[in-house]
mmCIF file of all heavy atoms, coordinates in Angstrom:
data_MODEL
# 
_entry.id   MODEL 
# 
loop_
_atom_site.group_PDB 
_atom_site.id 
_atom_site.type_symbol 
_atom_site.label_atom_id 
_atom_site.label_alt_id 
_atom_site.label_comp_id 
_atom_site.label_asym_id 
_atom_site.label_entity_id 
_atom_site.label_seq_id 
_atom_site.pdbx_PDB_ins_code 
_atom_site.Cartn_x 
_atom_site.Cartn_y 
_atom_site.Cartn_z 
_atom_site.occupancy 
_atom_site.B_iso_or_equiv 
_atom_site.pdbx_formal_charge 
_atom_site.auth_seq_id 
_atom_site.auth_comp_id 
_atom_site.auth_asym_id 
_atom_site.auth_atom_id 
_atom_site.pdbx_PDB_model_num 
ATOM 1   N N   . PHE A 1 1  ? 48.666 -8.104  27.945 1.00 0.00 ? 1  PHE A N   1 
ATOM 2   C CA  . PHE A 1 1  ? 47.441 -8.892  28.122 1.00 0.00 ? 1  PHE A CA  1 
ATOM 3   C C   . PHE A 1 1  ? 47.346 -10.009 27.088 1.00 0.00 ? 1  PHE A C   1 
ATOM 4   O O   . PHE A 1 1  ? 46.854 -11.101 27.392 1.00 0.00 ? 1  PHE A O   1 
ATOM 5   C CB  . PHE A 1 1  ? 46.195 -8.006  28.087 1.00 0.00 ? 1  PHE A CB  1 
ATOM 6   C CG  . PHE A 1 1  ? 45.856 -7.428  29.422 1.00 0.00 ? 1  PHE A CG  1 
ATOM 7   C CD1 . PHE A 1 1  ? 46.057 -6.085  29.683 1.00 0.00 ? 1  PHE A CD1 1 
ATOM 8   C CD2 . PHE A 1 1  ? 45.345 -8.223  30.433 1.00 0.00 ? 1  PHE A CD2 1 
ATOM 9   C CE1 . PHE A 1 1  ? 45.755 -5.546  30.930 1.00 0.00 ? 1  PHE A CE1 1 
ATOM 10  C CE2 . PHE A 1 1  ? 45.040 -7.702  31.689 1.00 0.00 ? 1  PHE A CE2 1 
ATOM 11  C CZ  . PHE A 1 1  ? 45.247 -6.352  31.930 1.00 0.00 ? 1  PHE A CZ  1 
ATOM 12  N N   . GLN A 1 2  ? 47.830 -9.756  25.862 1.00 0.00 ? 2  GLN A N   1 
ATOM 13  C CA  . GLN A 1 2  ? 47.810 -10.815 24.855 1.00 0.00 ? 2  GLN A CA  1 
ATOM 14  C C   . GLN A 1 2  ? 48.701 -11.968 25.283 1.00 0.00 ? 2  GLN A C   1 
ATOM 15  O O   . GLN A 1 2  ? 48.352 -13.135 25.091 1.00 0.00 ? 2  GLN A O   1 
ATOM 16  C CB  . GLN A 1 2  ? 48.245 -10.275 23.491 1.00 0.00 ? 2  GLN A CB  1 
ATOM 17  C CG  . GLN A 1 2  ? 48.024 -11.263 22.359 1.00 0.00 ? 2  GLN A CG  1 
ATOM 18  C CD  . GLN A 1 2  ? 46.560 -11.665 22.213 1.00 0.00 ? 2  GLN A CD  1 
ATOM 19  O OE1 . GLN A 1 2  ? 45.687 -10.814 22.092 1.00 0.00 ? 2  GLN A OE1 1 
ATOM 20  N NE2 . GLN A 1 2  ? 46.285 -12.974 22.236 1.00 0.00 ? 2  GLN A NE2 1 
ATOM 21  N N   . GLU A 1 3  ? 49.837 -11.633 25.871 1.00 0.00 ? 3  GLU A N   1 
ATOM 22  C CA  . GLU A 1 3  ? 50.716 -12.680 26.397 1.00 0.00 ? 3  GLU A CA  1 
ATOM 23  C C   . GLU A 1 3  ? 49.988 -13.490 27.477 1.00 0.00 ? 3  GLU A C   1 
ATOM 24  O O   . GLU A 1 3  ? 50.081 -14.723 27.509 1.00 0.00 ? 3  GLU A O   1 
ATOM 25  C CB  . GLU A 1 3  ? 51.993 -12.051 26.967 1.00 0.00 ? 3  GLU A CB  1 
ATOM 26  C CG  . GLU A 1 3  ? 53.010 -13.048 27.460 1.00 0.00 ? 3  GLU A CG  1 
ATOM 27  C CD  . GLU A 1 3  ? 54.273 -12.411 28.020 1.00 0.00 ? 3  GLU A CD  1 
ATOM 28  O OE1 . GLU A 1 3  ? 54.584 -11.238 27.701 1.00 0.00 ? 3  GLU A OE1 1 
ATOM 29  O OE2 . GLU A 1 3  ? 54.969 -13.099 28.804 1.00 0.00 ? 3  GLU A OE2 1 
ATOM 30  N N   . ALA A 1 4  ? 49.244 -12.798 28.346 1.00 0.00 ? 4  ALA A N   1 
ATOM 31  C CA  . ALA A 1 4  ? 48.488 -13.491 29.402 1.00 0.00 ? 4  ALA A CA  1 
ATOM 32  C C   . ALA A 1 4  ? 47.401 -14.377 28.792 1.00 0.00 ? 4  ALA A C   1 
ATOM 33  O O   . ALA A 1 4  ? 47.173 -15.505 29.269 1.00 0.00 ? 4  ALA A O   1 
ATOM 34  C CB  . ALA A 1 4  ? 47.880 -12.467 30.366 1.00 0.00 ? 4  ALA A CB  1 
ATOM 35  N N   . ILE A 1 5  ? 46.746 -13.892 27.738 1.00 0.00 ? 5  ILE A N   1 
ATOM 36  C CA  . ILE A 1 5  ? 45.716 -14.693 27.066 1.00 0.00 ? 5  ILE A CA  1 
ATOM 37  C C   . ILE A 1 5  ? 46.352 -15.910 26.406 1.00 0.00 ? 5  ILE A C   1 
ATOM 38  O O   . ILE A 1 5  ? 45.873 -17.042 26.547 1.00 0.00 ? 5  ILE A O   1 
ATOM 39  C CB  . ILE A 1 5  ? 44.955 -13.825 26.033 1.00 0.00 ? 5  ILE A CB  1 
ATOM 40  C CG1 . ILE A 1 5  ? 44.081 -12.790 26.749 1.00 0.00 ? 5  ILE A CG1 1 
ATOM 41  C CG2 . ILE A 1 5  ? 44.107 -14.696 25.109 1.00 0.00 ? 5  ILE A CG2 1 
ATOM 42  C CD1 . ILE A 1 5  ? 43.502 -11.713 25.843 1.00 0.00 ? 5  ILE A CD1 1 
ATOM 43  N N   . ASP A 1 6  ? 47.443 -15.677 25.677 1.00 0.00 ? 6  ASP A N   1 
ATOM 44  C CA  . ASP A 1 6  ? 48.137 -16.778 24.986 1.00 0.00 ? 6  ASP A CA  1 
ATOM 45  C C   . ASP A 1 6  ? 48.638 -17.840 25.959 1.00 0.00 ? 6  ASP A C   1 
ATOM 46  O O   . ASP A 1 6  ? 48.650 -19.031 25.625 1.00 0.00 ? 6  ASP A O   1 
ATOM 47  C CB  . ASP A 1 6  ? 49.312 -16.247 24.161 1.00 0.00 ? 6  ASP A CB  1 
ATOM 48  C CG  . ASP A 1 6  ? 48.867 -15.390 22.984 1.00 0.00 ? 6  ASP A CG  1 
ATOM 49  O OD1 . ASP A 1 6  ? 47.665 -15.418 22.625 1.00 0.00 ? 6  ASP A OD1 1 
ATOM 50  O OD2 . ASP A 1 6  ? 49.726 -14.658 22.433 1.00 0.00 ? 6  ASP A OD2 1 
ATOM 51  N N   . ASN A 1 7  ? 49.029 -17.418 27.148 1.00 0.00 ? 7  ASN A N   1 
ATOM 52  C CA  . ASN A 1 7  ? 49.517 -18.362 28.167 1.00 0.00 ? 7  ASN A CA  1 
ATOM 53  C C   . ASN A 1 7  ? 48.389 -19.014 28.961 1.00 0.00 ? 7  ASN A C   1 
ATOM 54  O O   . ASN A 1 7  ? 48.651 -19.818 29.855 1.00 0.00 ? 7  ASN A O   1 
ATOM 55  C CB  . ASN A 1 7  ? 50.449 -17.648 29.152 1.00 0.00 ? 7  ASN A CB  1 
ATOM 56  C CG  . ASN A 1 7  ? 51.738 -17.184 28.529 1.00 0.00 ? 7  ASN A CG  1 
ATOM 57  O OD1 . ASN A 1 7  ? 52.079 -17.575 27.418 1.00 0.00 ? 7  ASN A OD1 1 
ATOM 58  N ND2 . ASN A 1 7  ? 52.466 -16.331 29.228 1.00 0.00 ? 7  ASN A ND2 1 
ATOM 59  N N   . GLY A 1 8  ? 47.140 -18.621 28.674 1.00 0.00 ? 8  GLY A N   1 
ATOM 60  C CA  . GLY A 1 8  ? 46.008 -19.180 29.404 1.00 0.00 ? 8  GLY A CA  1 
ATOM 61  C C   . GLY A 1 8  ? 45.908 -18.673 30.827 1.00 0.00 ? 8  GLY A C   1 
ATOM 62  O O   . GLY A 1 8  ? 45.354 -19.345 31.696 1.00 0.00 ? 8  GLY A O   1 
ATOM 63  N N   . GLU A 1 9  ? 46.442 -17.482 31.071 1.00 0.00 ? 9  GLU A N   1 
ATOM 64  C CA  . GLU A 1 9  ? 46.446 -16.935 32.431 1.00 0.00 ? 9  GLU A CA  1 
ATOM 65  C C   . GLU A 1 9  ? 45.188 -16.144 32.773 1.00 0.00 ? 9  GLU A C   1 
ATOM 66  O O   . GLU A 1 9  ? 44.872 -15.972 33.953 1.00 0.00 ? 9  GLU A O   1 
ATOM 67  C CB  . GLU A 1 9  ? 47.665 -16.023 32.626 1.00 0.00 ? 9  GLU A CB  1 
ATOM 68  C CG  . GLU A 1 9  ? 48.991 -16.746 32.534 1.00 0.00 ? 9  GLU A CG  1 
ATOM 69  C CD  . GLU A 1 9  ? 50.162 -15.787 32.659 1.00 0.00 ? 9  GLU A CD  1 
ATOM 70  O OE1 . GLU A 1 9  ? 50.129 -14.902 33.536 1.00 0.00 ? 9  GLU A OE1 1 
ATOM 71  O OE2 . GLU A 1 9  ? 51.116 -15.921 31.869 1.00 0.00 ? 9  GLU A OE2 1 
ATOM 72  N N   . VAL A 1 10 ? 44.501 -15.611 31.776 1.00 0.00 ? 10 VAL A N   1 
ATOM 73  C CA  . VAL A 1 10 ? 43.300 -14.801 32.024 1.00 0.00 ? 10 VAL A CA  1 
ATOM 74  C C   . VAL A 1 10 ? 42.156 -15.283 31.133 1.00 0.00 ? 10 VAL A C   1 
ATOM 75  O O   . VAL A 1 10 ? 42.382 -15.905 30.090 1.00 0.00 ? 10 VAL A O   1 
ATOM 76  C CB  . VAL A 1 10 ? 43.552 -13.293 31.771 1.00 0.00 ? 10 VAL A CB  1 
ATOM 77  C CG1 . VAL A 1 10 ? 44.573 -12.729 32.738 1.00 0.00 ? 10 VAL A CG1 1 
ATOM 78  C CG2 . VAL A 1 10 ? 43.949 -13.021 30.339 1.00 0.00 ? 10 VAL A CG2 1 
ATOM 79  N N   . ILE A 1 11 ? 40.946 -14.991 31.568 1.00 0.00 ? 11 ILE A N   1 
ATOM 80  C CA  . ILE A 1 11 ? 39.775 -15.359 30.779 1.00 0.00 ? 11 ILE A CA  1 
ATOM 81  C C   . ILE A 1 11 ? 39.806 -14.605 29.446 1.00 0.00 ? 11 ILE A C   1 
ATOM 82  O O   . ILE A 1 11 ? 40.391 -13.530 29.342 1.00 0.00 ? 11 ILE A O   1 
ATOM 83  C CB  . ILE A 1 11 ? 38.459 -15.046 31.536 1.00 0.00 ? 11 ILE A CB  1 
ATOM 84  C CG1 . ILE A 1 11 ? 38.371 -13.557 31.899 1.00 0.00 ? 11 ILE A CG1 1 
ATOM 85  C CG2 . ILE A 1 11 ? 38.302 -15.915 32.764 1.00 0.00 ? 11 ILE A CG2 1 
ATOM 86  C CD1 . ILE A 1 11 ? 37.048 -13.145 32.487 1.00 0.00 ? 11 ILE A CD1 1 
ATOM 87  N N   . THR A 1 12 ? 39.169 -15.182 28.465 1.00 0.00 ? 12 THR A N   1 
ATOM 88  C CA  . THR A 1 12 ? 39.255 -14.605 27.121 1.00 0.00 ? 12 THR A CA  1 
ATOM 89  C C   . THR A 1 12 ? 37.923 -14.046 26.623 1.00 0.00 ? 12 THR A C   1 
ATOM 90  O O   . THR A 1 12 ? 37.668 -14.006 25.434 1.00 0.00 ? 12 THR A O   1 
ATOM 91  C CB  . THR A 1 12 ? 39.789 -15.653 26.129 1.00 0.00 ? 12 THR A CB  1 
ATOM 92  O OG1 . THR A 1 12 ? 38.939 -16.810 26.174 1.00 0.00 ? 12 THR A OG1 1 
ATOM 93  C CG2 . THR A 1 12 ? 41.212 -16.028 26.437 1.00 0.00 ? 12 THR A CG2 1 
ATOM 94  N N   . ARG A 1 13 ? 37.093 -13.607 27.527 1.00 0.00 ? 13 ARG A N   1 
ATOM 95  C CA  . ARG A 1 13 ? 35.838 -12.979 27.111 1.00 0.00 ? 13 ARG A CA  1 
ATOM 96  C C   . ARG A 1 13 ? 36.078 -11.596 26.513 1.00 0.00 ? 13 ARG A C   1 
ATOM 97  O O   . ARG A 1 13 ? 35.232 -11.048 25.831 1.00 0.00 ? 13 ARG A O   1 
ATOM 98  C CB  . ARG A 1 13 ? 34.890 -12.847 28.305 1.00 0.00 ? 13 ARG A CB  1 
ATOM 99  C CG  . ARG A 1 13 ? 34.297 -14.138 28.731 1.00 0.00 ? 13 ARG A CG  1 
ATOM 100 C CD  . ARG A 1 13 ? 33.183 -13.914 29.745 1.00 0.00 ? 13 ARG A CD  1 
ATOM 101 N NE  . ARG A 1 13 ? 33.074 -15.133 30.526 1.00 0.00 ? 13 ARG A NE  1 
ATOM 102 C CZ  . ARG A 1 13 ? 33.273 -15.206 31.830 1.00 0.00 ? 13 ARG A CZ  1 
ATOM 103 N NH1 . ARG A 1 13 ? 33.559 -14.137 32.508 1.00 0.00 ? 13 ARG A NH1 1 
ATOM 104 N NH2 . ARG A 1 13 ? 33.162 -16.350 32.444 1.00 0.00 ? 13 ARG A NH2 1 
ATOM 105 N N   . PHE A 1 14 ? 37.230 -11.037 26.823 1.00 0.00 ? 14 PHE A N   1 
ATOM 106 C CA  . PHE A 1 14 ? 37.578 -9.706  26.345 1.00 0.00 ? 14 PHE A CA  1 
ATOM 107 C C   . PHE A 1 14 ? 38.851 -9.777  25.520 1.00 0.00 ? 14 PHE A C   1 
ATOM 108 O O   . PHE A 1 14 ? 39.698 -10.631 25.740 1.00 0.00 ? 14 PHE A O   1 
ATOM 109 C CB  . PHE A 1 14 ? 37.793 -8.747  27.527 1.00 0.00 ? 14 PHE A CB  1 
ATOM 110 C CG  . PHE A 1 14 ? 36.618 -8.649  28.439 1.00 0.00 ? 14 PHE A CG  1 
ATOM 111 C CD1 . PHE A 1 14 ? 36.582 -9.364  29.627 1.00 0.00 ? 14 PHE A CD1 1 
ATOM 112 C CD2 . PHE A 1 14 ? 35.534 -7.848  28.108 1.00 0.00 ? 14 PHE A CD2 1 
ATOM 113 C CE1 . PHE A 1 14 ? 35.492 -9.282  30.478 1.00 0.00 ? 14 PHE A CE1 1 
ATOM 114 C CE2 . PHE A 1 14 ? 34.438 -7.770  28.955 1.00 0.00 ? 14 PHE A CE2 1 
ATOM 115 C CZ  . PHE A 1 14 ? 34.407 -8.485  30.136 1.00 0.00 ? 14 PHE A CZ  1 
ATOM 116 N N   . SER A 1 15 ? 39.002 -8.839  24.602 1.00 0.00 ? 15 SER A N   1 
ATOM 117 C CA  . SER A 1 15 ? 40.237 -8.779  23.821 1.00 0.00 ? 15 SER A CA  1 
ATOM 118 C C   . SER A 1 15 ? 41.345 -8.177  24.678 1.00 0.00 ? 15 SER A C   1 
ATOM 119 O O   . SER A 1 15 ? 41.083 -7.538  25.706 1.00 0.00 ? 15 SER A O   1 
ATOM 120 C CB  . SER A 1 15 ? 40.032 -7.929  22.562 1.00 0.00 ? 15 SER A CB  1 
ATOM 121 O OG  . SER A 1 15 ? 39.910 -6.564  22.918 1.00 0.00 ? 15 SER A OG  1 
ATOM 122 N N   . SER A 1 16 ? 42.565 -8.366  24.243 1.00 0.00 ? 16 SER A N   1 
ATOM 123 C CA  . SER A 1 16 ? 43.695 -7.786  24.972 1.00 0.00 ? 16 SER A CA  1 
ATOM 124 C C   . SER A 1 16 ? 43.596 -6.258  24.991 1.00 0.00 ? 16 SER A C   1 
ATOM 125 O O   . SER A 1 16 ? 43.963 -5.618  25.980 1.00 0.00 ? 16 SER A O   1 
ATOM 126 C CB  . SER A 1 16 ? 45.016 -8.242  24.353 1.00 0.00 ? 16 SER A CB  1 
ATOM 127 O OG  . SER A 1 16 ? 45.098 -7.837  23.003 1.00 0.00 ? 16 SER A OG  1 
ATOM 128 N N   . GLU A 1 17 ? 43.060 -5.681  23.914 1.00 0.00 ? 17 GLU A N   1 
ATOM 129 C CA  . GLU A 1 17 ? 42.893 -4.223  23.850 1.00 0.00 ? 17 GLU A CA  1 
ATOM 130 C C   . GLU A 1 17 ? 41.861 -3.747  24.872 1.00 0.00 ? 17 GLU A C   1 
ATOM 131 O O   . GLU A 1 17 ? 42.065 -2.741  25.548 1.00 0.00 ? 17 GLU A O   1 
ATOM 132 C CB  . GLU A 1 17 ? 42.466 -3.773  22.443 1.00 0.00 ? 17 GLU A CB  1 
ATOM 133 C CG  . GLU A 1 17 ? 43.535 -3.913  21.393 1.00 0.00 ? 17 GLU A CG  1 
ATOM 134 C CD  . GLU A 1 17 ? 43.651 -5.342  20.822 1.00 0.00 ? 17 GLU A CD  1 
ATOM 135 O OE1 . GLU A 1 17 ? 42.779 -6.203  21.108 1.00 0.00 ? 17 GLU A OE1 1 
ATOM 136 O OE2 . GLU A 1 17 ? 44.641 -5.595  20.123 1.00 0.00 ? 17 GLU A OE2 1 
ATOM 137 N N   . GLN A 1 18 ? 40.753 -4.493  24.996 1.00 0.00 ? 18 GLN A N   1 
ATOM 138 C CA  . GLN A 1 18 ? 39.729 -4.124  25.974 1.00 0.00 ? 18 GLN A CA  1 
ATOM 139 C C   . GLN A 1 18 ? 40.263 -4.222  27.396 1.00 0.00 ? 18 GLN A C   1 
ATOM 140 O O   . GLN A 1 18 ? 39.986 -3.354  28.232 1.00 0.00 ? 18 GLN A O   1 
ATOM 141 C CB  . GLN A 1 18 ? 38.495 -5.027  25.817 1.00 0.00 ? 18 GLN A CB  1 
ATOM 142 C CG  . GLN A 1 18 ? 37.708 -4.770  24.551 1.00 0.00 ? 18 GLN A CG  1 
ATOM 143 C CD  . GLN A 1 18 ? 36.628 -5.814  24.329 1.00 0.00 ? 18 GLN A CD  1 
ATOM 144 O OE1 . GLN A 1 18 ? 36.855 -7.012  24.537 1.00 0.00 ? 18 GLN A OE1 1 
ATOM 145 N NE2 . GLN A 1 18 ? 35.458 -5.364  23.905 1.00 0.00 ? 18 GLN A NE2 1 
ATOM 146 N N   . LEU A 1 19 ? 41.038 -5.247  27.672 1.00 0.00 ? 19 LEU A N   1 
ATOM 147 C CA  . LEU A 1 19 ? 41.618 -5.408  29.007 1.00 0.00 ? 19 LEU A CA  1 
ATOM 148 C C   . LEU A 1 19 ? 42.605 -4.277  29.303 1.00 0.00 ? 19 LEU A C   1 
ATOM 149 O O   . LEU A 1 19 ? 42.598 -3.701  30.393 1.00 0.00 ? 19 LEU A O   1 
ATOM 150 C CB  . LEU A 1 19 ? 42.297 -6.771  29.127 1.00 0.00 ? 19 LEU A CB  1 
ATOM 151 C CG  . LEU A 1 19 ? 41.356 -7.978  29.080 1.00 0.00 ? 19 LEU A CG  1 
ATOM 152 C CD1 . LEU A 1 19 ? 42.147 -9.273  28.938 1.00 0.00 ? 19 LEU A CD1 1 
ATOM 153 C CD2 . LEU A 1 19 ? 40.449 -8.025  30.295 1.00 0.00 ? 19 LEU A CD2 1 
ATOM 154 N N   . GLY A 1 20 ? 43.432 -3.943  28.322 1.00 0.00 ? 20 GLY A N   1 
ATOM 155 C CA  . GLY A 1 20 ? 44.376 -2.835  28.492 1.00 0.00 ? 20 GLY A CA  1 
ATOM 156 C C   . GLY A 1 20 ? 43.676 -1.515  28.714 1.00 0.00 ? 20 GLY A C   1 
ATOM 157 O O   . GLY A 1 20 ? 44.070 -0.706  29.562 1.00 0.00 ? 20 GLY A O   1 
ATOM 158 N N   . ASP A 1 21 ? 42.599 -1.280  27.934 1.00 0.00 ? 21 ASP A N   1 
ATOM 159 C CA  . ASP A 1 21 ? 41.837 -0.038  28.094 1.00 0.00 ? 21 ASP A CA  1 
ATOM 160 C C   . ASP A 1 21 ? 41.197 0.050   29.474 1.00 0.00 ? 21 ASP A C   1 
ATOM 161 O O   . ASP A 1 21 ? 41.090 1.136   30.054 1.00 0.00 ? 21 ASP A O   1 
ATOM 162 C CB  . ASP A 1 21 ? 40.752 0.084   27.013 1.00 0.00 ? 21 ASP A CB  1 
ATOM 163 C CG  . ASP A 1 21 ? 41.313 0.438   25.646 1.00 0.00 ? 21 ASP A CG  1 
ATOM 164 O OD1 . ASP A 1 21 ? 42.499 0.831   25.561 1.00 0.00 ? 21 ASP A OD1 1 
ATOM 165 O OD2 . ASP A 1 21 ? 40.562 0.326   24.652 1.00 0.00 ? 21 ASP A OD2 1 
ATOM 166 N N   . THR A 1 22 ? 40.774 -1.093  30.010 1.00 0.00 ? 22 THR A N   1 
ATOM 167 C CA  . THR A 1 22 ? 40.186 -1.112  31.354 1.00 0.00 ? 22 THR A CA  1 
ATOM 168 C C   . THR A 1 22 ? 41.211 -0.650  32.383 1.00 0.00 ? 22 THR A C   1 
ATOM 169 O O   . THR A 1 22 ? 40.905 0.173   33.257 1.00 0.00 ? 22 THR A O   1 
ATOM 170 C CB  . THR A 1 22 ? 39.662 -2.521  31.696 1.00 0.00 ? 22 THR A CB  1 
ATOM 171 O OG1 . THR A 1 22 ? 38.675 -2.884  30.723 1.00 0.00 ? 22 THR A OG1 1 
ATOM 172 C CG2 . THR A 1 22 ? 39.057 -2.567  33.090 1.00 0.00 ? 22 THR A CG2 1 
ATOM 173 N N   . VAL A 1 23 ? 42.432 -1.142  32.266 1.00 0.00 ? 23 VAL A N   1 
ATOM 174 C CA  . VAL A 1 23 ? 43.490 -0.738  33.199 1.00 0.00 ? 23 VAL A CA  1 
ATOM 175 C C   . VAL A 1 23 ? 43.804 0.747   33.019 1.00 0.00 ? 23 VAL A C   1 
ATOM 176 O O   . VAL A 1 23 ? 43.961 1.480   34.001 1.00 0.00 ? 23 VAL A O   1 
ATOM 177 C CB  . VAL A 1 23 ? 44.747 -1.609  33.028 1.00 0.00 ? 23 VAL A CB  1 
ATOM 178 C CG1 . VAL A 1 23 ? 45.913 -1.053  33.820 1.00 0.00 ? 23 VAL A CG1 1 
ATOM 179 C CG2 . VAL A 1 23 ? 44.454 -3.036  33.469 1.00 0.00 ? 23 VAL A CG2 1 
ATOM 180 N N   . GLN A 1 24 ? 43.883 1.206   31.766 1.00 0.00 ? 24 GLN A N   1 
ATOM 181 C CA  . GLN A 1 24 ? 44.124 2.636   31.513 1.00 0.00 ? 24 GLN A CA  1 
ATOM 182 C C   . GLN A 1 24 ? 43.029 3.484   32.155 1.00 0.00 ? 24 GLN A C   1 
ATOM 183 O O   . GLN A 1 24 ? 43.297 4.539   32.718 1.00 0.00 ? 24 GLN A O   1 
ATOM 184 C CB  . GLN A 1 24 ? 44.179 2.924   30.011 1.00 0.00 ? 24 GLN A CB  1 
ATOM 185 C CG  . GLN A 1 24 ? 45.435 2.442   29.338 1.00 0.00 ? 24 GLN A CG  1 
ATOM 186 C CD  . GLN A 1 24 ? 46.605 3.364   29.589 1.00 0.00 ? 24 GLN A CD  1 
ATOM 187 O OE1 . GLN A 1 24 ? 47.067 3.512   30.719 1.00 0.00 ? 24 GLN A OE1 1 
ATOM 188 N NE2 . GLN A 1 24 ? 47.095 3.971   28.545 1.00 0.00 ? 24 GLN A NE2 1 
ATOM 189 N N   . GLY A 1 25 ? 41.801 2.992   32.078 1.00 0.00 ? 25 GLY A N   1 
ATOM 190 C CA  . GLY A 1 25 ? 40.680 3.702   32.713 1.00 0.00 ? 25 GLY A CA  1 
ATOM 191 C C   . GLY A 1 25 ? 40.842 3.784   34.218 1.00 0.00 ? 25 GLY A C   1 
ATOM 192 O O   . GLY A 1 25 ? 40.574 4.820   34.839 1.00 0.00 ? 25 GLY A O   1 
ATOM 193 N N   . MET A 1 26 ? 41.301 2.691   34.822 1.00 0.00 ? 26 MET A N   1 
ATOM 194 C CA  . MET A 1 26 ? 41.533 2.693   36.271 1.00 0.00 ? 26 MET A CA  1 
ATOM 195 C C   . MET A 1 26 ? 42.584 3.737   36.640 1.00 0.00 ? 26 MET A C   1 
ATOM 196 O O   . MET A 1 26 ? 42.434 4.459   37.633 1.00 0.00 ? 26 MET A O   1 
ATOM 197 C CB  . MET A 1 26 ? 41.990 1.308   36.749 1.00 0.00 ? 26 MET A CB  1 
ATOM 198 C CG  . MET A 1 26 ? 40.924 0.255   36.743 1.00 0.00 ? 26 MET A CG  1 
ATOM 199 S SD  . MET A 1 26 ? 41.627 -1.299  37.390 1.00 0.00 ? 26 MET A SD  1 
ATOM 200 C CE  . MET A 1 26 ? 40.593 -2.483  36.573 1.00 0.00 ? 26 MET A CE  1 
ATOM 201 N N   . ILE A 1 27 ? 43.642 3.791   35.860 1.00 0.00 ? 27 ILE A N   1 
ATOM 202 C CA  . ILE A 1 27 ? 44.704 4.760   36.132 1.00 0.00 ? 27 ILE A CA  1 
ATOM 203 C C   . ILE A 1 27 ? 44.158 6.185   36.039 1.00 0.00 ? 27 ILE A C   1 
ATOM 204 O O   . ILE A 1 27 ? 44.438 7.024   36.900 1.00 0.00 ? 27 ILE A O   1 
ATOM 205 C CB  . ILE A 1 27 ? 45.891 4.562   35.164 1.00 0.00 ? 27 ILE A CB  1 
ATOM 206 C CG1 . ILE A 1 27 ? 46.548 3.203   35.414 1.00 0.00 ? 27 ILE A CG1 1 
ATOM 207 C CG2 . ILE A 1 27 ? 46.914 5.684   35.313 1.00 0.00 ? 27 ILE A CG2 1 
ATOM 208 C CD1 . ILE A 1 27 ? 47.546 2.786   34.350 1.00 0.00 ? 27 ILE A CD1 1 
ATOM 209 N N   . MET A 1 28 ? 43.338 6.450   35.021 1.00 0.00 ? 28 MET A N   1 
ATOM 210 C CA  . MET A 1 28 ? 42.748 7.786   34.860 1.00 0.00 ? 28 MET A CA  1 
ATOM 211 C C   . MET A 1 28 ? 41.840 8.131   36.046 1.00 0.00 ? 28 MET A C   1 
ATOM 212 O O   . MET A 1 28 ? 41.904 9.234   36.581 1.00 0.00 ? 28 MET A O   1 
ATOM 213 C CB  . MET A 1 28 ? 41.941 7.861   33.553 1.00 0.00 ? 28 MET A CB  1 
ATOM 214 C CG  . MET A 1 28 ? 42.761 7.765   32.295 1.00 0.00 ? 28 MET A CG  1 
ATOM 215 S SD  . MET A 1 28 ? 43.644 9.275   31.909 1.00 0.00 ? 28 MET A SD  1 
ATOM 216 C CE  . MET A 1 28 ? 42.326 10.302  31.345 1.00 0.00 ? 28 MET A CE  1 
# 
């Protein structure tokens, strides 16, 4: 997600950790 943020691919209202945790939550 940090790579996506650095490349300007995703909005930056959330940190890369928050975005990753969201995906982990979906998997759970």
